[in-house]
Amino acid sequence: QVQLVESGGGLVQAGGSLRLSCAFSGDTFRHYGMGWFRQAPGKEREFVAAISWTGSMTYYSDSVKGRFTISRDNAKNTVSLQMSSLKPEDTAVYYCNARLTAYDYWGQGTQVTVSS
């Protein structure tokens, strides 16, 4: 069974940076596309960023493009999200996602709070 464990969330001032990490276990990591989603209070979960299984392709939502960078280390079974120039509207619970065809797995989430 795939397990995803996020870390790295916290409280940061606007304009600051945070790096989220997600540890993958339970299957062959390099077979999975990986992504990050977030959910703010009272809002639906939304896509943030994704990376292909090789790491050669990355995708970002318009709201984070140019500020966030997704990366993966297939030797360490981890995916990271480097977040810079953070804004109060980036405040949310951030979830790691692993996807392989019809299989979809989620982590428990990590809270990111950006103060103004």
N, C-alpha and C. Protein backbone atom coordinates (compact mmCIF):
# COMPACT_ATOMS: atom_id res chain seq x y z
N GLN A 1 0.84 -1.18 0.00
CA GLN A 1 0.00 0.00 0.00
C GLN A 1 0.89 1.25 0.00
N VAL A 2 0.61 2.14 -0.93
CA VAL A 2 1.40 3.37 -1.02
C VAL A 2 1.10 4.26 0.19
N GLN A 3 2.15 4.80 0.76
CA GLN A 3 2.02 5.78 1.84
C GLN A 3 2.80 7.03 1.48
N LEU A 4 2.21 8.17 1.77
CA LEU A 4 2.83 9.46 1.51
C LEU A 4 2.85 10.25 2.81
N VAL A 5 4.01 10.78 3.16
CA VAL A 5 4.15 11.56 4.39
C VAL A 5 4.77 12.90 4.06
N GLU A 6 3.99 13.97 4.26
CA GLU A 6 4.48 15.32 4.00
C GLU A 6 5.17 15.89 5.23
N SER A 7 6.08 16.82 4.97
CA SER A 7 6.75 17.55 6.04
C SER A 7 7.17 18.91 5.50
N GLY A 8 7.52 19.81 6.43
CA GLY A 8 8.07 21.10 6.02
C GLY A 8 7.13 22.29 6.11
N GLY A 9 5.89 22.05 6.47
CA GLY A 9 4.96 23.15 6.59
C GLY A 9 5.28 24.01 7.81
N GLY A 10 4.60 25.15 7.91
CA GLY A 10 4.82 26.03 9.05
C GLY A 10 4.28 27.41 8.81
N LEU A 11 4.70 28.32 9.67
CA LEU A 11 4.28 29.72 9.60
C LEU A 11 5.42 30.55 9.03
N VAL A 12 5.10 31.39 8.04
CA VAL A 12 6.12 32.22 7.41
C VAL A 12 5.50 33.56 7.07
N GLN A 13 6.33 34.60 7.05
CA GLN A 13 5.83 35.92 6.67
C GLN A 13 5.71 36.03 5.16
N ALA A 14 4.84 36.90 4.72
CA ALA A 14 4.69 37.16 3.30
C ALA A 14 6.04 37.54 2.70
N GLY A 15 6.32 36.99 1.54
CA GLY A 15 7.61 37.21 0.88
C GLY A 15 8.65 36.16 1.22
N GLY A 16 8.36 35.34 2.20
CA GLY A 16 9.31 34.32 2.63
C GLY A 16 9.22 33.06 1.80
N SER A 17 9.99 32.05 2.24
CA SER A 17 10.08 30.78 1.52
C SER A 17 9.88 29.61 2.47
N LEU A 18 9.40 28.52 1.90
CA LEU A 18 9.29 27.24 2.59
C LEU A 18 9.54 26.13 1.60
N ARG A 19 10.02 25.01 2.10
CA ARG A 19 10.22 23.84 1.25
C ARG A 19 9.45 22.67 1.85
N LEU A 20 8.52 22.15 1.09
CA LEU A 20 7.76 20.97 1.50
C LEU A 20 8.40 19.72 0.91
N SER A 21 8.34 18.65 1.67
CA SER A 21 8.84 17.36 1.19
C SER A 21 7.78 16.29 1.40
N CYS A 22 7.82 15.28 0.55
CA CYS A 22 6.89 14.16 0.64
C CYS A 22 7.68 12.88 0.47
N ALA A 23 7.60 12.01 1.47
CA ALA A 23 8.27 10.72 1.41
C ALA A 23 7.29 9.65 0.95
N PHE A 24 7.70 8.90 -0.06
CA PHE A 24 6.87 7.86 -0.68
C PHE A 24 7.37 6.48 -0.26
N SER A 25 6.44 5.57 0.04
CA SER A 25 6.81 4.19 0.34
C SER A 25 5.68 3.26 -0.09
N GLY A 26 6.00 2.00 -0.24
CA GLY A 26 4.99 0.98 -0.52
C GLY A 26 4.91 0.50 -1.94
N ASP A 27 5.64 1.13 -2.86
CA ASP A 27 5.63 0.68 -4.25
C ASP A 27 6.85 1.28 -4.94
N THR A 28 6.91 1.15 -6.27
CA THR A 28 8.05 1.65 -7.03
C THR A 28 7.81 3.12 -7.38
N PHE A 29 8.51 3.98 -6.71
CA PHE A 29 8.29 5.42 -6.80
C PHE A 29 8.38 5.94 -8.23
N ARG A 30 9.36 5.45 -8.97
CA ARG A 30 9.62 6.03 -10.29
C ARG A 30 8.51 5.71 -11.29
N HIS A 31 7.57 4.87 -10.92
CA HIS A 31 6.44 4.57 -11.81
C HIS A 31 5.32 5.61 -11.70
N TYR A 32 5.39 6.46 -10.67
CA TYR A 32 4.27 7.35 -10.34
C TYR A 32 4.53 8.78 -10.77
N GLY A 33 3.51 9.41 -11.33
CA GLY A 33 3.50 10.85 -11.44
C GLY A 33 3.18 11.40 -10.06
N MET A 34 3.81 12.52 -9.70
CA MET A 34 3.64 13.08 -8.37
C MET A 34 3.13 14.51 -8.47
N GLY A 35 2.40 14.93 -7.46
CA GLY A 35 1.88 16.28 -7.49
C GLY A 35 1.63 16.84 -6.10
N TRP A 36 1.36 18.12 -6.08
CA TRP A 36 0.96 18.82 -4.86
C TRP A 36 -0.38 19.52 -5.11
N PHE A 37 -1.24 19.42 -4.13
CA PHE A 37 -2.52 20.11 -4.14
C PHE A 37 -2.64 20.88 -2.82
N ARG A 38 -3.58 21.79 -2.76
CA ARG A 38 -3.79 22.52 -1.51
C ARG A 38 -5.28 22.80 -1.31
N GLN A 39 -5.62 22.97 -0.05
CA GLN A 39 -7.01 23.28 0.30
C GLN A 39 -7.03 24.34 1.39
N ALA A 40 -7.59 25.48 1.06
CA ALA A 40 -7.76 26.57 2.02
C ALA A 40 -9.10 26.41 2.72
N PRO A 41 -9.24 27.00 3.91
CA PRO A 41 -10.51 26.89 4.65
C PRO A 41 -11.69 27.37 3.81
N GLY A 42 -12.72 26.54 3.74
CA GLY A 42 -13.93 26.91 3.02
C GLY A 42 -13.83 26.79 1.52
N LYS A 43 -12.72 26.27 1.02
CA LYS A 43 -12.53 26.16 -0.42
C LYS A 43 -12.28 24.71 -0.81
N GLU A 44 -12.44 24.42 -2.10
CA GLU A 44 -12.18 23.08 -2.59
C GLU A 44 -10.67 22.87 -2.77
N ARG A 45 -10.28 21.62 -2.76
CA ARG A 45 -8.89 21.29 -3.01
C ARG A 45 -8.54 21.68 -4.44
N GLU A 46 -7.36 22.29 -4.61
CA GLU A 46 -6.96 22.74 -5.94
C GLU A 46 -5.55 22.25 -6.28
N PHE A 47 -5.33 22.11 -7.56
CA PHE A 47 -4.03 21.69 -8.08
C PHE A 47 -3.00 22.79 -7.88
N VAL A 48 -1.78 22.41 -7.52
CA VAL A 48 -0.68 23.36 -7.37
C VAL A 48 0.42 23.06 -8.39
N ALA A 49 0.93 21.83 -8.37
CA ALA A 49 2.05 21.49 -9.25
C ALA A 49 2.11 19.98 -9.43
N ALA A 50 2.72 19.53 -10.53
CA ALA A 50 2.89 18.11 -10.79
C ALA A 50 4.19 17.88 -11.54
N ILE A 51 4.69 16.65 -11.44
CA ILE A 51 5.94 16.29 -12.11
C ILE A 51 5.80 14.88 -12.64
N SER A 52 6.31 14.66 -13.84
CA SER A 52 6.23 13.33 -14.47
C SER A 52 7.13 12.34 -13.76
N TRP A 53 6.96 11.05 -14.09
CA TRP A 53 7.73 10.02 -13.39
C TRP A 53 9.23 10.13 -13.64
N THR A 54 9.61 10.69 -14.78
CA THR A 54 11.05 10.87 -15.04
C THR A 54 11.57 12.18 -14.48
N GLY A 55 10.65 13.09 -14.17
CA GLY A 55 11.06 14.42 -13.74
C GLY A 55 11.28 15.39 -14.87
N SER A 56 11.08 14.93 -16.10
CA SER A 56 11.37 15.79 -17.25
C SER A 56 10.26 16.79 -17.55
N MET A 57 9.06 16.52 -17.05
CA MET A 57 7.93 17.41 -17.30
C MET A 57 7.38 17.93 -15.97
N THR A 58 7.15 19.22 -15.90
CA THR A 58 6.54 19.83 -14.73
C THR A 58 5.37 20.71 -15.15
N TYR A 59 4.42 20.84 -14.24
CA TYR A 59 3.20 21.59 -14.52
C TYR A 59 2.87 22.42 -13.28
N TYR A 60 2.36 23.62 -13.50
CA TYR A 60 2.03 24.50 -12.39
C TYR A 60 0.70 25.20 -12.64
N SER A 61 0.01 25.50 -11.55
CA SER A 61 -1.16 26.36 -11.67
C SER A 61 -0.69 27.78 -11.94
N ASP A 62 -1.53 28.56 -12.55
CA ASP A 62 -1.17 29.93 -12.87
C ASP A 62 -0.85 30.73 -11.61
N SER A 63 -1.49 30.39 -10.51
CA SER A 63 -1.33 31.17 -9.28
C SER A 63 0.04 31.00 -8.63
N VAL A 64 0.76 29.93 -8.98
CA VAL A 64 2.06 29.69 -8.35
C VAL A 64 3.21 29.68 -9.35
N LYS A 65 2.89 29.74 -10.63
CA LYS A 65 3.93 29.68 -11.66
C LYS A 65 4.94 30.81 -11.46
N GLY A 66 6.21 30.46 -11.49
CA GLY A 66 7.27 31.44 -11.29
C GLY A 66 7.67 31.63 -9.85
N ARG A 67 6.88 31.10 -8.92
CA ARG A 67 7.19 31.22 -7.49
C ARG A 67 7.49 29.87 -6.85
N PHE A 68 6.86 28.82 -7.34
CA PHE A 68 7.02 27.48 -6.77
C PHE A 68 7.78 26.60 -7.76
N THR A 69 8.54 25.65 -7.22
CA THR A 69 9.26 24.69 -8.06
C THR A 69 9.09 23.29 -7.49
N ILE A 70 8.61 22.38 -8.32
CA ILE A 70 8.47 20.98 -7.91
C ILE A 70 9.66 20.19 -8.43
N SER A 71 10.12 19.24 -7.62
CA SER A 71 11.23 18.39 -8.03
C SER A 71 11.06 17.02 -7.38
N ARG A 72 11.78 16.05 -7.90
CA ARG A 72 11.72 14.71 -7.33
C ARG A 72 13.10 14.08 -7.33
N ASP A 73 13.30 13.16 -6.39
CA ASP A 73 14.55 12.40 -6.30
C ASP A 73 14.16 10.93 -6.31
N ASN A 74 14.31 10.29 -7.46
CA ASN A 74 13.88 8.89 -7.58
C ASN A 74 14.78 7.93 -6.81
N ALA A 75 15.94 8.38 -6.41
CA ALA A 75 16.83 7.54 -5.59
C ALA A 75 16.40 7.56 -4.12
N LYS A 76 15.79 8.67 -3.71
CA LYS A 76 15.39 8.82 -2.30
C LYS A 76 13.88 8.67 -2.10
N ASN A 77 13.16 8.47 -3.20
CA ASN A 77 11.69 8.32 -3.13
C ASN A 77 11.02 9.54 -2.50
N THR A 78 11.44 10.71 -2.93
CA THR A 78 10.87 11.92 -2.39
C THR A 78 10.49 12.89 -3.50
N VAL A 79 9.50 13.72 -3.21
CA VAL A 79 9.13 14.82 -4.08
C VAL A 79 9.08 16.07 -3.20
N SER A 80 9.53 17.20 -3.75
CA SER A 80 9.60 18.43 -2.97
C SER A 80 8.88 19.56 -3.69
N LEU A 81 8.50 20.54 -2.90
CA LEU A 81 7.91 21.75 -3.45
C LEU A 81 8.60 22.93 -2.79
N GLN A 82 9.42 23.62 -3.56
CA GLN A 82 10.09 24.83 -3.08
C GLN A 82 9.17 26.00 -3.34
N MET A 83 8.79 26.70 -2.28
CA MET A 83 7.85 27.81 -2.40
C MET A 83 8.55 29.11 -2.02
N SER A 84 8.52 30.07 -2.91
CA SER A 84 9.16 31.36 -2.68
C SER A 84 8.15 32.48 -2.91
N SER A 85 8.51 33.67 -2.45
CA SER A 85 7.64 34.84 -2.59
C SER A 85 6.22 34.51 -2.13
N LEU A 86 6.13 33.90 -0.97
CA LEU A 86 4.84 33.44 -0.49
C LEU A 86 3.91 34.60 -0.19
N LYS A 87 2.63 34.35 -0.43
CA LYS A 87 1.59 35.34 -0.22
C LYS A 87 0.57 34.82 0.79
N PRO A 88 -0.15 35.70 1.46
CA PRO A 88 -1.18 35.22 2.40
C PRO A 88 -2.19 34.27 1.74
N GLU A 89 -2.46 34.47 0.47
CA GLU A 89 -3.42 33.59 -0.22
C GLU A 89 -2.86 32.20 -0.51
N ASP A 90 -1.59 31.98 -0.22
CA ASP A 90 -1.02 30.64 -0.32
C ASP A 90 -1.31 29.81 0.94
N THR A 91 -1.89 30.43 1.95
CA THR A 91 -2.22 29.72 3.18
C THR A 91 -3.20 28.60 2.89
N ALA A 92 -2.84 27.38 3.28
CA ALA A 92 -3.67 26.21 3.02
C ALA A 92 -3.02 24.98 3.62
N VAL A 93 -3.76 23.88 3.62
CA VAL A 93 -3.16 22.58 3.87
C VAL A 93 -2.69 22.04 2.53
N TYR A 94 -1.43 21.65 2.47
CA TYR A 94 -0.83 21.16 1.24
C TYR A 94 -0.75 19.63 1.28
N TYR A 95 -1.22 19.01 0.20
CA TYR A 95 -1.28 17.56 0.11
C TYR A 95 -0.40 17.04 -1.01
N CYS A 96 0.31 15.99 -0.71
CA CYS A 96 1.10 15.27 -1.71
C CYS A 96 0.20 14.24 -2.38
N ASN A 97 0.39 14.06 -3.68
CA ASN A 97 -0.43 13.12 -4.45
C ASN A 97 0.47 12.24 -5.31
N ALA A 98 0.14 10.96 -5.36
CA ALA A 98 0.83 10.01 -6.25
C ALA A 98 -0.21 9.39 -7.17
N ARG A 99 0.11 9.34 -8.46
CA ARG A 99 -0.88 8.87 -9.43
C ARG A 99 -0.24 7.90 -10.42
N LEU A 100 -0.93 6.77 -10.61
CA LEU A 100 -0.49 5.78 -11.60
C LEU A 100 -1.75 5.20 -12.22
N THR A 101 -2.03 5.53 -13.45
CA THR A 101 -3.25 5.15 -14.18
C THR A 101 -4.47 5.44 -13.30
N ALA A 102 -5.21 4.40 -12.87
CA ALA A 102 -6.43 4.61 -12.09
C ALA A 102 -6.17 4.72 -10.60
N TYR A 103 -4.93 4.57 -10.19
CA TYR A 103 -4.60 4.60 -8.76
C TYR A 103 -4.17 6.01 -8.36
N ASP A 104 -4.74 6.45 -7.23
CA ASP A 104 -4.57 7.81 -6.75
C ASP A 104 -4.38 7.76 -5.24
N TYR A 105 -3.26 8.29 -4.75
CA TYR A 105 -2.96 8.24 -3.32
C TYR A 105 -2.69 9.64 -2.79
N TRP A 106 -3.04 9.84 -1.50
CA TRP A 106 -2.88 11.15 -0.87
C TRP A 106 -2.18 11.04 0.46
N GLY A 107 -1.40 12.07 0.78
CA GLY A 107 -0.85 12.18 2.11
C GLY A 107 -1.84 12.80 3.06
N GLN A 108 -1.42 12.98 4.30
CA GLN A 108 -2.31 13.51 5.33
C GLN A 108 -2.36 15.03 5.32
N GLY A 109 -1.42 15.65 4.63
CA GLY A 109 -1.40 17.10 4.52
C GLY A 109 -0.49 17.77 5.53
N THR A 110 0.01 18.95 5.14
CA THR A 110 0.83 19.75 6.04
C THR A 110 0.37 21.21 5.91
N GLN A 111 0.25 21.88 7.04
CA GLN A 111 -0.29 23.23 7.06
C GLN A 111 0.78 24.25 6.71
N VAL A 112 0.44 25.15 5.80
CA VAL A 112 1.28 26.30 5.47
C VAL A 112 0.46 27.55 5.76
N THR A 113 1.02 28.40 6.60
CA THR A 113 0.35 29.66 6.95
C THR A 113 1.28 30.83 6.63
N VAL A 114 0.78 31.75 5.82
CA VAL A 114 1.57 32.92 5.42
C VAL A 114 0.93 34.15 6.03
N SER A 115 1.67 34.83 6.90
CA SER A 115 1.14 36.02 7.57
C SER A 115 1.48 37.27 6.77
N SER A 116 0.59 38.24 6.83
CA SER A 116 0.80 39.48 6.07
C SER A 116 1.57 40.51 6.89
